[in-house]
Amino acid sequence: MNIKMTSHGRFKFRRGEKEDMFAVHEMIQELADYEKMSDGPQQTLEDLKRDCHTDYCHIYVLDYLKDETEKVIIGYAICYFSYSTWLGKCYFLEDIYVRPAYRRLGAGSFMFRQIATQAQAYQCKRIDFHVLSWNPATEFYKKLGAFDLTETEAWHYYRLNEKGINQVVKGLNNID
């Protein structure tokens, strides 16, 4: 069992269950609001419930255990496998979030360590994730040993959204 004792209580990291997805859904919106992208999240609570125990979507939650009877979900992480032609299997961290009232208690460090433990157990060679340039969490990630690929290797991250996919399939993008 992955539990960390703190002076403020205990943290428990675990795989999310269907009944946890309401809290995860709320926190996804909280993160989107923080990132100034309030209209971004389009998936539904039902989508999360459907996907939470699939091979392609690993949803973790962080419980805060104040005592033997009181527990509250204070954070979540969503990960999935990716593949590197140079290294093989990798773990992609789509989101990691701790509710503001529980930050600076070691929750984020504990959760990231648990994600790294999962990646190691899955024999992944690296963990990839994206961070908005203005997000103060960049300093936290650097302290963990992460580095900015845009700075160090000049990689840029591109996206083809659903509309773009449809246009490519229909041949509307003049790519020939």
Foldseek 3Di string as FASTA:
>chain_A
DQWDQFPQAIKDKDWDALVCLVVVVVVVQVVCVVVVNNVPDDDDSVVCNVPSPDLAKTKMWMWGGRDPPDIDTFWMWIKGWDADPVFGIAIEIEDTDGHPVPPPRCRRVSNVVVVVVVRVVVVHPYYDYDDPPPDPCVVVVVVVVDDDCCVVPVDDDDDQDPVNVVCVVVVNPPPD
